[in-house]
Every structure is written in C-alpha cells, then in structure tokens.
Protein backbone atom coordinates (compact mmCIF):
# COMPACT_ATOMS: atom_id res chain seq x y z
CA MET A 1 119.44 -296.39 88.79
CA ARG A 2 116.18 -298.29 88.67
CA THR A 3 113.93 -298.46 85.65
CA LYS A 4 110.54 -296.92 86.25
CA PRO A 5 107.49 -298.95 85.16
CA GLY A 6 106.48 -296.34 82.58
CA HIS A 7 109.93 -296.37 81.00
CA CYS A 8 110.08 -300.15 80.93
CA ALA A 9 106.71 -300.36 79.18
CA ARG A 10 107.85 -297.95 76.43
CA LYS A 11 111.24 -299.54 75.79
CA ARG A 12 111.95 -302.37 73.42
CA ARG A 13 112.78 -305.63 75.17
CA PHE A 14 115.41 -308.15 74.17
CA ALA A 15 115.48 -311.73 75.39
CA SER A 16 119.27 -311.85 75.66
CA GLU A 17 122.22 -309.53 76.10
CA ALA A 18 123.58 -310.73 72.75
CA ALA A 19 120.41 -309.66 70.94
CA ALA A 20 120.55 -306.24 72.62
CA ASN A 21 124.24 -305.88 71.70
CA ASP A 22 123.47 -306.74 68.07
CA MET A 23 120.91 -303.94 67.90
CA ALA A 24 123.19 -301.48 69.71
CA ALA A 25 126.01 -302.25 67.26
CA ILE A 26 123.99 -301.03 64.26
CA ALA A 27 122.58 -297.94 65.98
CA GLN A 28 123.73 -294.47 64.89
CA VAL A 29 124.33 -293.40 68.52
CA THR A 30 126.27 -295.04 71.33
CA LEU A 31 124.03 -297.47 73.19
CA ARG A 32 124.68 -300.10 75.79
CA PRO A 33 122.45 -302.89 77.05
CA TYR A 34 121.30 -303.32 80.63
CA ARG A 35 119.17 -305.85 82.44
CA CYS A 36 115.88 -304.40 83.63
CA GLY A 37 115.00 -304.99 87.27
CA LEU A 38 111.27 -305.02 86.48
CA CYS A 39 110.82 -307.25 83.44
CA ARG A 40 114.18 -309.09 83.80
CA GLN A 41 114.80 -308.64 80.07
CA TRP A 42 117.35 -306.41 78.32
CA HIS A 43 116.86 -302.78 77.26
CA LEU A 44 119.18 -300.25 75.61
CA THR A 45 120.28 -296.95 77.07
CA SER A 46 122.34 -294.06 75.78
CA ARG A 47 123.65 -293.32 79.28
CA THR A 48 127.25 -294.43 79.22
CA LYS A 49 128.99 -292.03 81.63
CA GLY A 50 131.09 -294.10 84.00
CA MET A 51 129.75 -297.35 82.55
CA LYS A 52 131.60 -300.15 80.82
CA LEU A 53 131.12 -299.89 77.06
CA PRO A 54 130.46 -302.98 74.93
CA PRO A 55 133.42 -304.33 72.94
CA PHE A 56 131.99 -303.23 69.57
CA GLU A 57 131.80 -299.61 70.79
CA LEU A 58 135.39 -299.68 72.04
CA ALA A 59 136.50 -301.00 68.64
CA ARG A 60 134.43 -298.31 66.85
CA ARG A 61 136.05 -295.55 68.91
CA LYS A 62 139.52 -297.00 68.40
CA ALA A 63 138.99 -297.08 64.63
CA ALA A 64 137.69 -293.49 64.63
CA ALA A 65 140.76 -292.30 66.56
CA ARG A 66 143.03 -294.14 64.13
CA ASP A 67 141.35 -292.48 61.13
CA ARG A 68 142.01 -288.97 62.45
C-alpha cells in the first residue's frame, strides 16, 4: 500500500525506525512503524493485519496473556 501525499503531509515524521518504535511503544493503541515511499522517513500506522509486529508489542501481548 502506498502512502498518498495528503496522508504523508498530515502524519508525524520520524528520522529513524528506532525513534518511531519508541513513540509506538508508549502509545495506547497498537502501532507499527513503516518507511514512507514519498518522504523516505518513518510514519506510524495502526494497520497491523498480516504485518510483522515490533518486538515491544509482542512482549506486551505475551504479558497480557500471562496475566489472564
């Protein structure tokens, strides 16, 4: 899926994947970073279906399952 110019302009940009992951880790919802084909920087998306989740999200889900 390609990022549309209007979406790219409205989204926050991160210089590195690590910076995007840091922000995604503290978010209240599940987010994952992706590299934008337009600006070549990193954005966050909530679309995770069929995508590889970041390690912090896998750990969060594992801990939640353990607490049940």
